[in-house]
Amino acid sequence: MLVEVCVDSLKSAKAAAQGGANRIELCSALKLGGLTPTVGLLSSVKSCGIVIDVFCMIRCRGGDFVYDEDEMITMLNDIAILKANGADGFVFGALTSDAQLDRVNCSKVIDACHPMPVTLHRAFDHSTNWHDAIDTAVQLGFHYILTSGQEATVLEGIERLKEIISYANDRIIIMAGSGVNMKSLPTIKNALPMLKALHTSASIKKNSLCSIRPSFKLGANDAFDSEKETSAIIVSEIVAIARSHNDTH
């Protein structure tokens, strides 16, 4: 089973690789669900000895997945720059205003990423017709769909995930993500024996190095005690569970 770890720092990327992950999803601002990483971060990851694939998130802001022309220009430029600096694949998703998969903008991104693979991220979980979203993703050329079964976590979306995997029928790889950890993974594996890929942060709370705390925040999510980082130990334990029981995926 493929294990992808989402990270937003060089330290976390190193931990993911050390723990045995197959692939890194490189982001910034995981607290916002993951945004486009900087070129500096990608270059640092690619030059530090990490040999596993690095897929870069393409998402210029938090919030919904309905993008205007200026936002698309920004993200297409990001793809070109990240591609030139060693990205092995990309992660993207866009919806129309009525929550259908946005064929036009997704097609632009897939064309820009070619020949590198692209994952359809959890914008899929916000789509109102998941059958159509799968069909469209396959037609457009996405390689993976990251999903929690259209619920907050994979455990909550188990029953829908069974339907999604069955309907996809190996036309595209379904990757389960959100709430995947050492405690939940055995249940997920048992319930979804056909699952071929999973996505996790494998994270722990990061202790701030700042000894003096300010009396106010610089932004809504600027809490000094809310940062997390990937743990190589947790990654290795998740990998062991994922590949247990003579798993051949």
Protein backbone atom coordinates (compact mmCIF):
# COMPACT_ATOMS: atom_id res chain seq x y z
CA MET A 1 0.00 0.00 0.00
CA LEU A 2 1.28 3.43 -0.93
CA VAL A 3 1.75 5.76 2.05
CA GLU A 4 1.81 9.49 1.32
CA VAL A 5 2.68 11.96 4.08
CA CYS A 6 1.65 15.61 3.87
CA VAL A 7 4.24 18.05 5.20
CA ASP A 8 4.84 21.78 5.27
CA SER A 9 8.47 22.01 6.38
CA LEU A 10 11.88 20.59 5.54
CA LYS A 11 12.10 18.92 8.95
CA SER A 12 8.78 17.15 8.41
CA ALA A 13 9.82 16.07 4.91
CA LYS A 14 12.97 14.50 6.32
CA ALA A 15 10.91 12.72 8.99
CA ALA A 16 8.49 11.36 6.39
CA ALA A 17 11.32 9.93 4.31
CA GLN A 18 13.12 8.56 7.37
CA GLY A 19 9.93 6.83 8.50
CA GLY A 20 9.55 4.99 5.21
CA ALA A 21 6.86 6.97 3.39
CA ASN A 22 6.53 6.29 -0.32
CA ARG A 23 5.76 9.87 -1.20
CA ILE A 24 5.55 13.38 0.19
CA GLU A 25 2.75 15.85 -0.44
CA LEU A 26 4.53 19.16 -0.03
CA CYS A 27 2.46 22.12 1.13
CA SER A 28 2.60 25.32 3.06
CA ALA A 29 0.10 26.18 5.80
CA LEU A 30 -1.31 22.77 6.65
CA LYS A 31 -3.45 24.55 9.25
CA LEU A 32 -5.41 25.93 6.28
CA GLY A 33 -5.70 22.51 4.67
CA GLY A 34 -2.48 22.94 2.71
CA LEU A 35 -1.47 25.68 0.27
CA THR A 36 1.12 25.91 -2.50
CA PRO A 37 4.65 25.45 -1.10
CA THR A 38 7.42 27.93 -1.75
CA VAL A 39 10.10 27.21 -4.31
CA GLY A 40 12.61 27.53 -1.49
CA LEU A 41 10.96 24.71 0.44
CA LEU A 42 10.78 22.44 -2.62
CA SER A 43 14.41 23.14 -3.51
CA SER A 44 15.47 22.40 0.07
CA VAL A 45 13.60 19.10 0.09
CA LYS A 46 14.94 18.02 -3.30
CA SER A 47 18.53 18.88 -2.39
CA CYS A 48 18.72 17.29 1.09
CA GLY A 49 19.05 13.68 0.00
CA ILE A 50 15.37 12.71 -0.02
CA VAL A 51 14.81 10.27 -2.89
CA ILE A 52 11.06 9.60 -2.66
CA ASP A 53 8.67 11.49 -4.91
CA VAL A 54 7.51 14.95 -3.92
CA PHE A 55 4.04 16.03 -5.08
CA CYS A 56 3.38 19.76 -4.68
CA MET A 57 0.03 21.15 -3.61
CA ILE A 58 -1.35 23.76 -5.98
CA ARG A 59 -3.76 25.93 -4.00
CA CYS A 60 -3.24 29.67 -3.85
CA ARG A 61 -5.50 30.38 -0.86
CA GLY A 62 -7.65 28.80 1.80
CA GLY A 63 -11.41 28.56 1.57
CA ASP A 64 -13.46 27.12 -1.26
CA PHE A 65 -12.26 25.58 -4.52
CA VAL A 66 -13.97 27.96 -6.96
CA TYR A 67 -11.21 29.96 -8.64
CA ASP A 68 -11.30 33.11 -10.74
CA GLU A 69 -9.06 33.94 -13.68
CA ASP A 70 -6.42 35.75 -11.63
CA GLU A 71 -6.14 32.86 -9.19
CA MET A 72 -5.74 30.41 -12.06
CA ILE A 73 -3.00 32.55 -13.60
CA THR A 74 -1.19 32.51 -10.26
CA MET A 75 -1.46 28.74 -9.86
CA LEU A 76 -0.43 27.98 -13.43
CA ASN A 77 2.66 30.13 -12.91
CA ASP A 78 3.34 28.26 -9.66
CA ILE A 79 3.18 24.96 -11.53
CA ALA A 80 5.71 26.12 -14.12
CA ILE A 81 8.15 27.27 -11.45
CA LEU A 82 7.75 24.23 -9.19
CA LYS A 83 8.01 21.91 -12.19
CA ALA A 84 11.29 23.56 -13.17
CA ASN A 85 12.59 23.05 -9.63
CA GLY A 86 12.06 19.32 -9.37
CA ALA A 87 8.44 18.58 -8.44
CA ASP A 88 7.60 14.95 -9.21
CA GLY A 89 3.84 15.49 -9.34
CA PHE A 90 1.09 17.85 -8.29
CA VAL A 91 -2.09 18.00 -6.21
CA PHE A 92 -5.03 20.14 -7.32
CA GLY A 93 -8.78 20.43 -7.38
CA ALA A 94 -11.29 23.00 -8.61
CA LEU A 95 -15.07 23.13 -8.49
CA THR A 96 -17.70 25.14 -10.31
CA SER A 97 -20.01 27.43 -8.35
CA ASP A 98 -22.57 24.62 -8.14
CA ALA A 99 -20.00 22.20 -6.70
CA GLN A 100 -19.29 20.13 -9.80
CA LEU A 101 -15.73 19.28 -10.78
CA ASP A 102 -14.45 22.19 -12.88
CA ARG A 103 -13.48 20.58 -16.18
CA VAL A 104 -11.99 23.74 -17.65
CA ASN A 105 -9.67 24.70 -14.82
CA CYS A 106 -8.73 21.12 -13.96
CA SER A 107 -7.86 20.51 -17.61
CA LYS A 108 -5.64 23.60 -17.68
CA VAL A 109 -3.75 22.36 -14.63
CA ILE A 110 -3.33 18.80 -15.90
CA ASP A 111 -2.02 20.14 -19.21
CA ALA A 112 0.42 22.41 -17.38
CA CYS A 113 1.63 19.55 -15.17
CA HIS A 114 2.12 17.08 -18.05
CA PRO A 115 3.82 14.61 -18.09
CA MET A 116 3.78 14.54 -14.30
CA PRO A 117 0.95 12.83 -12.40
CA VAL A 118 -1.75 14.85 -10.65
CA THR A 119 -3.86 13.99 -7.61
CA LEU A 120 -7.39 15.34 -7.32
CA HIS A 121 -7.47 16.54 -3.72
CA ARG A 122 -10.38 16.73 -1.31
CA ALA A 123 -12.25 19.26 -3.41
CA PHE A 124 -13.71 15.94 -4.51
CA ASP A 125 -15.30 15.62 -1.08
CA HIS A 126 -17.14 18.92 -1.60
CA SER A 127 -18.57 17.86 -4.96
CA THR A 128 -22.30 17.18 -5.03
CA ASN A 129 -22.13 14.24 -7.44
CA TRP A 130 -19.22 11.96 -6.65
CA HIS A 131 -20.04 9.51 -9.45
CA ASP A 132 -19.71 12.28 -12.03
CA ALA A 133 -16.61 13.62 -10.27
CA ILE A 134 -14.88 10.24 -10.59
CA ASP A 135 -15.85 9.91 -14.25
CA THR A 136 -14.64 13.43 -14.97
CA ALA A 137 -11.38 12.91 -13.07
CA VAL A 138 -10.67 9.79 -15.11
CA GLN A 139 -11.52 11.53 -18.39
CA LEU A 140 -9.31 14.52 -17.58
CA GLY A 141 -6.32 12.36 -16.68
CA PHE A 142 -5.99 12.62 -12.90
CA HIS A 143 -3.98 9.71 -11.48
CA TYR A 144 -5.28 9.72 -7.89
CA ILE A 145 -8.28 10.93 -5.91
CA LEU A 146 -7.68 11.90 -2.29
CA THR A 147 -10.90 11.48 -0.32
CA SER A 148 -12.37 10.86 3.11
CA GLY A 149 -15.58 9.52 1.62
CA GLN A 150 -17.19 12.97 1.67
CA GLU A 151 -17.11 13.08 5.46
CA ALA A 152 -14.81 14.83 7.93
CA THR A 153 -12.67 11.71 8.44
CA VAL A 154 -12.09 8.40 6.69
CA LEU A 155 -13.66 6.49 9.57
CA GLU A 156 -16.84 8.52 9.21
CA GLY A 157 -16.80 8.04 5.44
CA ILE A 158 -16.05 4.29 5.39
CA GLU A 159 -19.35 3.24 3.81
CA ARG A 160 -19.14 5.87 1.07
CA LEU A 161 -15.49 4.98 0.48
CA LYS A 162 -16.51 1.39 -0.20
CA GLU A 163 -18.85 2.68 -2.89
CA ILE A 164 -16.22 5.06 -4.29
CA ILE A 165 -13.56 2.35 -4.58
CA SER A 166 -16.05 -0.01 -6.20
CA TYR A 167 -17.27 2.59 -8.68
CA ALA A 168 -13.74 3.71 -9.56
CA ASN A 169 -13.01 0.07 -10.42
CA ASP A 170 -9.26 0.62 -10.79
CA ARG A 171 -9.75 3.35 -13.40
CA ILE A 172 -8.05 5.72 -10.95
CA ILE A 173 -6.31 5.15 -7.61
CA ILE A 174 -8.41 6.09 -4.58
CA MET A 175 -6.30 7.40 -1.70
CA ALA A 176 -7.93 7.62 1.73
CA GLY A 177 -7.01 10.66 3.80
CA SER A 178 -8.16 12.62 6.87
CA GLY A 179 -7.92 11.16 10.33
CA VAL A 180 -5.62 8.34 9.23
CA ASN A 181 -3.45 7.43 12.22
CA MET A 182 -2.16 4.44 14.15
CA LYS A 183 -5.45 4.04 16.00
CA SER A 184 -7.77 4.32 12.99
CA LEU A 185 -5.71 2.54 10.35
CA PRO A 186 -6.40 -1.09 11.40
CA THR A 187 -10.15 -0.43 11.17
CA ILE A 188 -9.71 1.33 7.83
CA LYS A 189 -7.66 -1.53 6.40
CA ASN A 190 -10.13 -4.16 7.54
CA ALA A 191 -13.10 -2.23 6.14
CA LEU A 192 -11.40 -1.33 2.85
CA PRO A 193 -9.37 -4.35 1.73
CA MET A 194 -9.12 -3.00 -1.83
CA LEU A 195 -7.60 0.33 -0.73
CA LYS A 196 -4.27 0.92 -2.47
CA ALA A 197 -3.11 4.24 -1.03
CA LEU A 198 -3.45 6.31 2.11
CA HIS A 199 -2.58 9.85 3.13
CA THR A 200 -1.55 11.02 6.59
CA SER A 201 0.27 13.83 8.37
CA ALA A 202 1.67 11.47 11.04
CA SER A 203 2.16 14.58 13.11
CA ILE A 204 2.77 15.58 16.69
CA LYS A 205 2.58 18.94 18.43
CA LYS A 206 5.57 21.14 17.73
CA ASN A 207 7.00 23.02 20.69
CA SER A 208 7.70 26.68 20.02
CA LEU A 209 11.28 27.84 20.51
CA CYS A 210 10.00 31.26 21.53
CA SER A 211 10.42 31.86 25.28
CA ILE A 212 8.47 35.13 25.38
CA ARG A 213 4.87 34.99 24.17
CA PRO A 214 3.30 38.11 22.66
CA SER A 215 0.00 39.40 24.03
CA PHE A 216 -1.72 39.41 20.61
CA LYS A 217 -1.78 37.42 17.36
CA LEU A 218 -0.73 38.68 13.95
CA GLY A 219 -3.48 36.64 12.26
CA ALA A 220 -6.49 34.49 13.01
CA ASN A 221 -4.46 31.26 12.93
CA ASP A 222 -1.24 32.62 14.40
CA ALA A 223 -1.27 30.58 17.62
CA PHE A 224 2.24 29.80 18.86
CA ASP A 225 1.13 26.51 20.38
CA SER A 226 -0.80 25.10 17.43
CA GLU A 227 2.02 24.09 15.08
CA LYS A 228 2.59 20.43 14.28
CA GLU A 229 5.37 18.46 12.65
CA THR A 230 5.71 14.99 11.21
CA SER A 231 7.14 12.27 13.43
CA ALA A 232 9.41 9.69 11.79
CA ILE A 233 8.40 7.18 14.47
CA ILE A 234 4.69 7.62 13.75
CA VAL A 235 5.32 7.39 10.00
CA SER A 236 7.21 4.12 10.47
CA GLU A 237 4.42 2.68 12.61
CA ILE A 238 1.76 3.69 10.09
CA VAL A 239 3.84 2.21 7.26
CA ALA A 240 4.19 -1.05 9.21
CA ILE A 241 0.42 -1.28 9.74
CA ALA A 242 -0.30 -0.35 6.12
CA ARG A 243 1.98 -3.08 4.81
CA SER A 244 1.09 -5.78 7.33
CA HIS A 245 -0.75 -9.04 6.63
CA ASN A 246 1.25 -9.84 3.48
CA ASP A 247 0.02 -6.67 1.77
CA THR A 248 1.15 -6.70 -1.86
CA HIS A 249 -0.10 -3.27 -2.99
